[in-house]
Amino acid sequence: MEKLTKNKIQNLIDSNPVMVFMKGTKLMPQCGFSNNVVQILNSLGVDFYTFDVLSDFEIREGIKEFSEWPTIPQVYLKGEFLGGSDILIEMYNSGTLKEKIEIELAS
């Protein structure tokens, strides 16, 4: 991955407490998995920022290498990679996602 791409990804993660790399936007998700993540975060009332990987091929490929995670969407909380759609659904259903977000955003 190019240093420029890596820096761009790192800056997005550092600048936004809750950062989602997804297909489409939060108003218009372009895949079901991205839509799941948006619905979960909206239901928790979380303010989050999204980056549409369909608009930037370098970021789309780079984020997979950056996180060592093969799929999109990818969710970051205060710089920490949380996971994708399946992990978020699991955390949401168990209640750990709400708790983790509240703790992280309070600190």
C-alpha atoms as a PDB file:
ATOM      1  CA  MET A   1       0.000   0.000   0.000  1.00  0.00           C
ATOM      2  CA  GLU A   2       1.249   3.467  -0.829  1.00  0.00           C
ATOM      3  CA  LYS A   3       2.292   5.688   2.060  1.00  0.00           C
ATOM      4  CA  LEU A   4      -0.111   8.394   0.823  1.00  0.00           C
ATOM      5  CA  THR A   5      -3.079   5.994   0.959  1.00  0.00           C
ATOM      6  CA  LYS A   6      -2.052   4.705   4.382  1.00  0.00           C
ATOM      7  CA  ASN A   7      -1.745   8.280   5.695  1.00  0.00           C
ATOM      8  CA  LYS A   8      -5.139   9.227   4.265  1.00  0.00           C
ATOM      9  CA  ILE A   9      -6.769   6.223   5.988  1.00  0.00           C
ATOM     10  CA  GLN A  10      -4.967   6.965   9.272  1.00  0.00           C
ATOM     11  CA  ASN A  11      -6.034  10.635   9.138  1.00  0.00           C
ATOM     12  CA  LEU A  12      -9.688   9.687   8.601  1.00  0.00           C
ATOM     13  CA  ILE A  13      -9.555   7.281  11.560  1.00  0.00           C
ATOM     14  CA  ASP A  14      -7.739   9.785  13.795  1.00  0.00           C
ATOM     15  CA  SER A  15     -10.074  12.672  12.913  1.00  0.00           C
ATOM     16  CA  ASN A  16     -13.362  10.874  13.568  1.00  0.00           C
ATOM     17  CA  PRO A  17     -14.258   9.120  16.858  1.00  0.00           C
ATOM     18  CA  VAL A  18     -16.559   6.718  14.975  1.00  0.00           C
ATOM     19  CA  MET A  19     -15.352   6.087  11.420  1.00  0.00           C
ATOM     20  CA  VAL A  20     -17.028   3.732   8.944  1.00  0.00           C
ATOM     21  CA  PHE A  21     -15.449   2.705   5.654  1.00  0.00           C
ATOM     22  CA  MET A  22     -18.407   1.483   3.601  1.00  0.00           C
ATOM     23  CA  LYS A  23     -19.935   1.091   0.167  1.00  0.00           C
ATOM     24  CA  GLY A  24     -22.069   4.176  -0.371  1.00  0.00           C
ATOM     25  CA  THR A  25     -22.959   6.813   2.209  1.00  0.00           C
ATOM     26  CA  LYS A  26     -24.940   6.763   5.441  1.00  0.00           C
ATOM     27  CA  LEU A  27     -27.898   8.251   3.564  1.00  0.00           C
ATOM     28  CA  MET A  28     -27.533   5.862   0.625  1.00  0.00           C
ATOM     29  CA  PRO A  29     -25.729   2.611   1.534  1.00  0.00           C
ATOM     30  CA  GLN A  30     -24.790   0.620  -1.551  1.00  0.00           C
ATOM     31  CA  CYS A  31     -24.798  -2.861   0.011  1.00  0.00           C
ATOM     32  CA  GLY A  32     -26.744  -4.733   2.664  1.00  0.00           C
ATOM     33  CA  PHE A  33     -23.779  -5.104   5.005  1.00  0.00           C
ATOM     34  CA  SER A  34     -23.048  -1.372   4.936  1.00  0.00           C
ATOM     35  CA  ASN A  35     -26.741  -0.712   5.501  1.00  0.00           C
ATOM     36  CA  ASN A  36     -26.712  -3.002   8.587  1.00  0.00           C
ATOM     37  CA  VAL A  37     -23.882  -0.978  10.135  1.00  0.00           C
ATOM     38  CA  VAL A  38     -25.620   2.340   9.409  1.00  0.00           C
ATOM     39  CA  GLN A  39     -28.902   1.065  10.931  1.00  0.00           C
ATOM     40  CA  ILE A  40     -27.127  -0.161  14.078  1.00  0.00           C
ATOM     41  CA  LEU A  41     -25.216   3.086  14.645  1.00  0.00           C
ATOM     42  CA  ASN A  42     -28.323   5.173  13.921  1.00  0.00           C
ATOM     43  CA  SER A  43     -30.385   3.117  16.380  1.00  0.00           C
ATOM     44  CA  LEU A  44     -27.771   3.795  19.072  1.00  0.00           C
ATOM     45  CA  GLY A  45     -27.909   7.517  18.286  1.00  0.00           C
ATOM     46  CA  VAL A  46     -24.201   7.578  17.535  1.00  0.00           C
ATOM     47  CA  ASP A  47     -22.687  10.413  15.530  1.00  0.00           C
ATOM     48  CA  PHE A  48     -20.467   8.751  12.926  1.00  0.00           C
ATOM     49  CA  TYR A  49     -18.541   9.663   9.810  1.00  0.00           C
ATOM     50  CA  THR A  50     -18.478   7.529   6.659  1.00  0.00           C
ATOM     51  CA  PHE A  51     -16.134   7.189   3.717  1.00  0.00           C
ATOM     52  CA  ASP A  52     -17.507   5.767   0.469  1.00  0.00           C
ATOM     53  CA  VAL A  53     -14.886   3.260  -0.707  1.00  0.00           C
ATOM     54  CA  LEU A  54     -16.606   3.063  -4.096  1.00  0.00           C
ATOM     55  CA  SER A  55     -15.399   6.613  -4.737  1.00  0.00           C
ATOM     56  CA  ASP A  56     -11.712   5.781  -4.191  1.00  0.00           C
ATOM     57  CA  PHE A  57     -10.131   2.544  -5.440  1.00  0.00           C
ATOM     58  CA  GLU A  58      -6.884   3.090  -3.485  1.00  0.00           C
ATOM     59  CA  ILE A  59      -8.743   3.412  -0.177  1.00  0.00           C
ATOM     60  CA  ARG A  60     -11.081   0.548  -1.079  1.00  0.00           C
ATOM     61  CA  GLU A  61      -8.136  -1.831  -1.480  1.00  0.00           C
ATOM     62  CA  GLY A  62      -5.889  -0.110   1.073  1.00  0.00           C
ATOM     63  CA  ILE A  63      -8.321  -0.353   3.991  1.00  0.00           C
ATOM     64  CA  LYS A  64      -8.344  -4.161   3.694  1.00  0.00           C
ATOM     65  CA  GLU A  65      -4.557  -4.237   4.024  1.00  0.00           C
ATOM     66  CA  PHE A  66      -4.571  -1.527   6.704  1.00  0.00           C
ATOM     67  CA  SER A  67      -6.869  -3.496   9.032  1.00  0.00           C
ATOM     68  CA  GLU A  68      -5.861  -6.958   7.822  1.00  0.00           C
ATOM     69  CA  TRP A  69      -9.611  -7.530   7.345  1.00  0.00           C
ATOM     70  CA  PRO A  70     -10.844  -8.654   3.903  1.00  0.00           C
ATOM     71  CA  THR A  71     -14.338  -7.174   3.819  1.00  0.00           C
ATOM     72  CA  ILE A  72     -16.131  -3.836   3.828  1.00  0.00           C
ATOM     73  CA  PRO A  73     -17.721  -2.179   5.801  1.00  0.00           C
ATOM     74  CA  GLN A  74     -15.128  -1.581   8.479  1.00  0.00           C
ATOM     75  CA  VAL A  75     -15.868   0.296  11.688  1.00  0.00           C
ATOM     76  CA  TYR A  76     -13.319   2.125  13.841  1.00  0.00           C
ATOM     77  CA  LEU A  77     -13.970   3.508  17.317  1.00  0.00           C
ATOM     78  CA  LYS A  78     -11.439   6.013  18.689  1.00  0.00           C
ATOM     79  CA  GLY A  79      -8.787   4.587  16.361  1.00  0.00           C
ATOM     80  CA  GLU A  80      -9.481   0.947  17.206  1.00  0.00           C
ATOM     81  CA  PHE A  81     -10.754  -1.435  14.536  1.00  0.00           C
ATOM     82  CA  LEU A  82     -14.024  -2.930  15.799  1.00  0.00           C
ATOM     83  CA  GLY A  83     -14.931  -5.099  12.832  1.00  0.00           C
ATOM     84  CA  GLY A  84     -17.418  -5.419  10.028  1.00  0.00           C
ATOM     85  CA  SER A  85     -21.134  -6.012   9.742  1.00  0.00           C
ATOM     86  CA  ASP A  86     -21.242  -9.468  11.397  1.00  0.00           C
ATOM     87  CA  ILE A  87     -19.165  -8.408  14.391  1.00  0.00           C
ATOM     88  CA  LEU A  88     -21.212  -5.232  14.869  1.00  0.00           C
ATOM     89  CA  ILE A  89     -24.493  -7.180  14.737  1.00  0.00           C
ATOM     90  CA  GLU A  90     -23.119  -9.617  17.321  1.00  0.00           C
ATOM     91  CA  MET A  91     -21.910  -6.807  19.606  1.00  0.00           C
ATOM     92  CA  TYR A  92     -25.185  -4.905  19.168  1.00  0.00           C
ATOM     93  CA  ASN A  93     -27.303  -7.939  20.057  1.00  0.00           C
ATOM     94  CA  SER A  94     -25.232  -8.700  23.156  1.00  0.00           C
ATOM     95  CA  GLY A  95     -25.301  -5.059  24.313  1.00  0.00           C
ATOM     96  CA  THR A  96     -21.514  -4.742  24.305  1.00  0.00           C
ATOM     97  CA  LEU A  97     -21.469  -2.321  21.360  1.00  0.00           C
ATOM     98  CA  LYS A  98     -23.581   0.334  23.117  1.00  0.00           C
ATOM     99  CA  GLU A  99     -21.504  -0.030  26.271  1.00  0.00           C
ATOM    100  CA  LYS A 100     -18.159   0.155  24.437  1.00  0.00           C
ATOM    101  CA  ILE A 101     -19.199   3.202  22.400  1.00  0.00           C
ATOM    102  CA  GLU A 102     -20.510   5.031  25.484  1.00  0.00           C
ATOM    103  CA  ILE A 103     -17.301   4.349  27.425  1.00  0.00           C
ATOM    104  CA  GLU A 104     -14.988   5.299  24.536  1.00  0.00           C
ATOM    105  CA  LEU A 105     -16.825   8.475  23.581  1.00  0.00           C
ATOM    106  CA  ALA A 106     -17.030   9.601  27.213  1.00  0.00           C
ATOM    107  CA  SER A 107     -13.257   9.396  27.676  1.00  0.00           C
END
